[in-house]
N, C-alpha and C. Protein backbone atom coordinates (compact mmCIF):
# COMPACT_ATOMS: atom_id res chain seq x y z
N MET A 1 -26.27 60.29 -32.21
CA MET A 1 -26.13 61.16 -33.36
C MET A 1 -26.24 60.34 -34.64
N PHE A 2 -25.54 59.20 -34.69
CA PHE A 2 -25.63 58.31 -35.85
C PHE A 2 -27.07 57.91 -36.11
N TYR A 3 -27.75 57.49 -35.06
CA TYR A 3 -29.14 57.03 -35.18
C TYR A 3 -30.04 58.12 -35.76
N LYS A 4 -29.94 59.34 -35.22
CA LYS A 4 -30.82 60.43 -35.67
C LYS A 4 -30.54 60.83 -37.12
N ILE A 5 -29.28 60.87 -37.51
CA ILE A 5 -28.94 61.22 -38.88
C ILE A 5 -29.45 60.15 -39.84
N ASN A 6 -29.22 58.90 -39.46
CA ASN A 6 -29.66 57.76 -40.28
C ASN A 6 -31.18 57.73 -40.38
N LYS A 7 -31.85 57.97 -39.27
CA LYS A 7 -33.31 57.97 -39.24
C LYS A 7 -33.89 59.08 -40.13
N SER A 8 -33.14 60.16 -40.28
CA SER A 8 -33.58 61.28 -41.12
C SER A 8 -33.45 60.98 -42.61
N GLY A 9 -32.91 59.82 -42.95
CA GLY A 9 -32.83 59.42 -44.34
C GLY A 9 -31.49 59.65 -45.02
N PHE A 10 -30.49 60.05 -44.26
CA PHE A 10 -29.17 60.28 -44.82
C PHE A 10 -28.33 59.01 -44.71
N PHE A 11 -27.42 58.82 -45.67
CA PHE A 11 -26.46 57.74 -45.58
C PHE A 11 -25.34 58.20 -44.66
N VAL A 12 -25.12 57.47 -43.58
CA VAL A 12 -24.10 57.86 -42.61
C VAL A 12 -23.28 56.64 -42.20
N GLU A 13 -21.98 56.85 -42.09
CA GLU A 13 -21.07 55.80 -41.64
C GLU A 13 -20.42 56.26 -40.35
N LYS A 14 -20.27 55.34 -39.38
CA LYS A 14 -19.61 55.70 -38.13
C LYS A 14 -18.26 55.01 -38.05
N GLU A 15 -17.33 55.67 -37.35
CA GLU A 15 -15.97 55.17 -37.20
C GLU A 15 -15.37 54.77 -38.55
N LYS A 16 -15.53 55.64 -39.52
CA LYS A 16 -15.05 55.41 -40.88
C LYS A 16 -13.53 55.47 -40.93
N SER A 17 -12.90 54.39 -41.39
CA SER A 17 -11.44 54.35 -41.48
C SER A 17 -10.94 55.24 -42.61
N MET A 18 -9.87 55.96 -42.32
CA MET A 18 -9.23 56.82 -43.31
C MET A 18 -7.80 56.30 -43.48
N PRO A 19 -7.48 55.72 -44.63
CA PRO A 19 -6.12 55.20 -44.82
C PRO A 19 -5.10 56.33 -44.94
N VAL A 20 -3.90 56.05 -44.51
CA VAL A 20 -2.79 56.99 -44.66
C VAL A 20 -1.82 56.38 -45.66
N ILE A 21 -1.46 57.16 -46.66
CA ILE A 21 -0.53 56.67 -47.68
C ILE A 21 0.71 57.55 -47.66
N PHE A 22 1.86 56.91 -47.44
CA PHE A 22 3.14 57.60 -47.46
C PHE A 22 4.03 56.92 -48.47
N GLU A 23 4.36 57.64 -49.54
CA GLU A 23 5.08 57.08 -50.68
C GLU A 23 4.33 55.85 -51.17
N GLU A 24 4.91 54.65 -51.09
CA GLU A 24 4.18 53.46 -51.55
C GLU A 24 3.63 52.63 -50.40
N VAL A 25 3.73 53.13 -49.17
CA VAL A 25 3.24 52.41 -47.99
C VAL A 25 1.83 52.89 -47.65
N LYS A 26 0.89 51.95 -47.55
CA LYS A 26 -0.49 52.28 -47.21
C LYS A 26 -0.84 51.68 -45.85
N LEU A 27 -1.23 52.52 -44.92
CA LEU A 27 -1.71 52.08 -43.62
C LEU A 27 -3.22 52.14 -43.67
N ASP A 28 -3.87 50.97 -43.62
CA ASP A 28 -5.31 50.91 -43.83
C ASP A 28 -6.13 51.65 -42.78
N CYS A 29 -5.67 51.67 -41.56
CA CYS A 29 -6.48 52.28 -40.51
C CYS A 29 -5.66 53.31 -39.74
N GLY A 30 -5.21 54.33 -40.44
CA GLY A 30 -4.44 55.37 -39.78
C GLY A 30 -5.31 56.25 -38.90
N TYR A 31 -6.47 56.61 -39.37
CA TYR A 31 -7.38 57.50 -38.65
C TYR A 31 -8.80 56.97 -38.76
N ARG A 32 -9.65 57.40 -37.83
CA ARG A 32 -11.08 57.04 -37.87
C ARG A 32 -11.91 58.31 -37.68
N VAL A 33 -12.75 58.57 -38.67
CA VAL A 33 -13.68 59.71 -38.61
C VAL A 33 -14.90 59.27 -37.81
N ASP A 34 -15.35 60.11 -36.88
CA ASP A 34 -16.51 59.74 -36.06
C ASP A 34 -17.73 59.43 -36.92
N LEU A 35 -18.14 60.40 -37.74
CA LEU A 35 -19.28 60.20 -38.64
C LEU A 35 -18.97 60.80 -40.01
N LEU A 36 -19.36 60.08 -41.04
CA LEU A 36 -19.25 60.59 -42.40
C LEU A 36 -20.65 60.53 -43.01
N VAL A 37 -21.19 61.71 -43.34
CA VAL A 37 -22.57 61.81 -43.83
C VAL A 37 -22.56 62.02 -45.34
N GLU A 38 -23.28 61.14 -46.04
CA GLU A 38 -23.43 61.22 -47.50
C GLU A 38 -22.09 61.29 -48.23
N ASN A 39 -21.06 60.71 -47.67
CA ASN A 39 -19.71 60.74 -48.25
C ASN A 39 -19.23 62.16 -48.57
N LYS A 40 -19.74 63.14 -47.81
CA LYS A 40 -19.39 64.53 -48.05
C LYS A 40 -19.04 65.29 -46.78
N LEU A 41 -19.76 65.06 -45.72
CA LEU A 41 -19.64 65.85 -44.49
C LEU A 41 -19.05 65.01 -43.37
N ILE A 42 -17.96 65.50 -42.79
CA ILE A 42 -17.36 64.86 -41.62
C ILE A 42 -17.97 65.50 -40.38
N VAL A 43 -18.38 64.66 -39.43
CA VAL A 43 -18.86 65.16 -38.14
C VAL A 43 -17.94 64.56 -37.09
N GLU A 44 -17.18 65.42 -36.42
CA GLU A 44 -16.24 64.99 -35.40
C GLU A 44 -16.80 65.40 -34.05
N LEU A 45 -17.00 64.42 -33.17
CA LEU A 45 -17.68 64.65 -31.89
C LEU A 45 -16.68 64.66 -30.75
N LYS A 46 -16.85 65.63 -29.86
CA LYS A 46 -16.00 65.78 -28.68
C LYS A 46 -16.87 66.08 -27.47
N SER A 47 -16.32 65.82 -26.30
CA SER A 47 -16.92 66.26 -25.05
C SER A 47 -15.77 66.69 -24.15
N VAL A 48 -15.32 67.92 -24.35
CA VAL A 48 -14.15 68.45 -23.66
C VAL A 48 -14.48 69.82 -23.07
N GLU A 49 -13.63 70.28 -22.16
CA GLU A 49 -13.82 71.58 -21.53
C GLU A 49 -13.98 72.68 -22.59
N SER A 50 -13.08 72.68 -23.55
CA SER A 50 -13.19 73.61 -24.68
C SER A 50 -12.41 73.03 -25.86
N LEU A 51 -12.86 73.36 -27.06
CA LEU A 51 -12.17 72.89 -28.25
C LEU A 51 -10.82 73.59 -28.35
N SER A 52 -9.80 72.84 -28.72
CA SER A 52 -8.47 73.42 -28.84
C SER A 52 -7.97 73.32 -30.27
N GLU A 53 -6.79 73.85 -30.49
CA GLU A 53 -6.20 73.83 -31.83
C GLU A 53 -5.92 72.40 -32.30
N ILE A 54 -5.65 71.49 -31.38
CA ILE A 54 -5.38 70.10 -31.76
C ILE A 54 -6.64 69.44 -32.33
N HIS A 55 -7.81 69.80 -31.81
CA HIS A 55 -9.07 69.27 -32.34
C HIS A 55 -9.30 69.80 -33.76
N LEU A 56 -9.00 71.05 -33.97
CA LEU A 56 -9.13 71.65 -35.30
C LEU A 56 -8.14 71.00 -36.27
N ALA A 57 -6.89 70.80 -35.82
CA ALA A 57 -5.88 70.17 -36.67
C ALA A 57 -6.28 68.75 -37.05
N GLN A 58 -6.84 68.02 -36.11
CA GLN A 58 -7.29 66.65 -36.37
C GLN A 58 -8.38 66.66 -37.45
N THR A 59 -9.33 67.55 -37.32
CA THR A 59 -10.44 67.64 -38.28
C THR A 59 -9.94 68.06 -39.65
N LEU A 60 -9.03 69.01 -39.70
CA LEU A 60 -8.46 69.43 -40.99
C LEU A 60 -7.68 68.29 -41.65
N THR A 61 -7.00 67.49 -40.85
CA THR A 61 -6.28 66.33 -41.38
C THR A 61 -7.24 65.37 -42.04
N TYR A 62 -8.37 65.10 -41.38
CA TYR A 62 -9.38 64.22 -41.95
C TYR A 62 -9.91 64.77 -43.27
N LEU A 63 -10.16 66.07 -43.30
CA LEU A 63 -10.66 66.70 -44.53
C LEU A 63 -9.67 66.53 -45.67
N ARG A 64 -8.40 66.77 -45.38
CA ARG A 64 -7.37 66.69 -46.42
C ARG A 64 -7.13 65.26 -46.88
N LEU A 65 -7.07 64.32 -45.94
CA LEU A 65 -6.83 62.92 -46.31
C LEU A 65 -7.95 62.36 -47.18
N GLY A 66 -9.18 62.72 -46.86
CA GLY A 66 -10.32 62.21 -47.62
C GLY A 66 -10.73 63.09 -48.78
N ASN A 67 -10.03 64.22 -48.94
CA ASN A 67 -10.37 65.20 -49.97
C ASN A 67 -11.83 65.66 -49.84
N PHE A 68 -12.24 65.90 -48.60
CA PHE A 68 -13.57 66.43 -48.32
C PHE A 68 -13.49 67.94 -48.17
N LYS A 69 -14.61 68.61 -48.29
CA LYS A 69 -14.64 70.07 -48.23
C LYS A 69 -15.16 70.62 -46.90
N LEU A 70 -16.02 69.87 -46.21
CA LEU A 70 -16.72 70.43 -45.06
C LEU A 70 -16.78 69.46 -43.89
N ALA A 71 -16.62 70.03 -42.68
CA ALA A 71 -16.73 69.23 -41.46
C ALA A 71 -17.40 70.07 -40.38
N LEU A 72 -18.04 69.37 -39.46
CA LEU A 72 -18.56 70.00 -38.25
C LEU A 72 -17.82 69.40 -37.07
N LEU A 73 -17.23 70.25 -36.26
CA LEU A 73 -16.56 69.84 -35.04
C LEU A 73 -17.49 70.22 -33.90
N ILE A 74 -18.02 69.22 -33.21
CA ILE A 74 -19.06 69.46 -32.21
C ILE A 74 -18.57 69.08 -30.82
N ASN A 75 -18.66 70.02 -29.89
CA ASN A 75 -18.32 69.78 -28.49
C ASN A 75 -19.62 69.74 -27.69
N PHE A 76 -19.91 68.58 -27.11
CA PHE A 76 -21.15 68.42 -26.35
C PHE A 76 -21.05 68.95 -24.92
N ASN A 77 -19.87 69.37 -24.51
CA ASN A 77 -19.68 69.87 -23.15
C ASN A 77 -19.91 71.39 -23.11
N GLU A 78 -21.05 71.81 -23.56
CA GLU A 78 -21.45 73.22 -23.56
C GLU A 78 -22.87 73.33 -23.01
N ILE A 79 -23.16 74.44 -22.36
CA ILE A 79 -24.51 74.66 -21.85
C ILE A 79 -25.49 74.77 -23.02
N LEU A 80 -25.13 75.58 -24.01
CA LEU A 80 -25.90 75.68 -25.25
C LEU A 80 -25.11 74.97 -26.35
N LEU A 81 -25.69 73.94 -26.93
CA LEU A 81 -24.99 73.16 -27.94
C LEU A 81 -24.51 74.02 -29.10
N LYS A 82 -25.26 75.03 -29.48
CA LYS A 82 -24.86 75.87 -30.61
C LYS A 82 -23.51 76.55 -30.37
N ASN A 83 -23.15 76.75 -29.10
CA ASN A 83 -21.85 77.34 -28.78
C ASN A 83 -20.71 76.34 -28.97
N GLY A 84 -21.02 75.07 -29.09
CA GLY A 84 -20.01 74.04 -29.23
C GLY A 84 -19.85 73.53 -30.65
N ILE A 85 -20.48 74.18 -31.61
CA ILE A 85 -20.40 73.72 -33.00
C ILE A 85 -19.46 74.64 -33.78
N ARG A 86 -18.49 74.02 -34.42
CA ARG A 86 -17.55 74.79 -35.24
C ARG A 86 -17.53 74.22 -36.65
N ARG A 87 -17.72 75.05 -37.63
CA ARG A 87 -17.68 74.65 -39.03
C ARG A 87 -16.23 74.74 -39.50
N VAL A 88 -15.76 73.67 -40.14
CA VAL A 88 -14.37 73.62 -40.62
C VAL A 88 -14.42 73.33 -42.11
N VAL A 89 -13.68 74.12 -42.89
CA VAL A 89 -13.69 73.95 -44.35
C VAL A 89 -12.29 73.67 -44.86
N ASN A 90 -12.23 73.00 -46.00
CA ASN A 90 -10.98 72.67 -46.66
C ASN A 90 -11.00 73.30 -48.04
N ASN A 91 -10.31 74.42 -48.18
CA ASN A 91 -10.15 75.11 -49.47
C ASN A 91 -11.47 75.49 -50.14
N LEU A 92 -12.37 76.08 -49.40
CA LEU A 92 -13.62 76.58 -50.02
C LEU A 92 -13.49 78.04 -50.32
């Protein structure tokens, strides 16, 4: 996925660290986003039986921590890939 997005001409980062800040304590590597495209879109990749609320909560946490607006939560364990794509938004 990283290769294809990058090859298409987009700036993409993989395993992007998201720091967690609590009061004055900063944890540099609290979370890792699977893919961050153009510093705007989070792409979170899964291969599970079905997406659950915990996957959605994880993606929303990434959106809020990075102050991003849009994410795609993709489950590759589907017969039709389009059935495994979920759009997640943060205050749109």
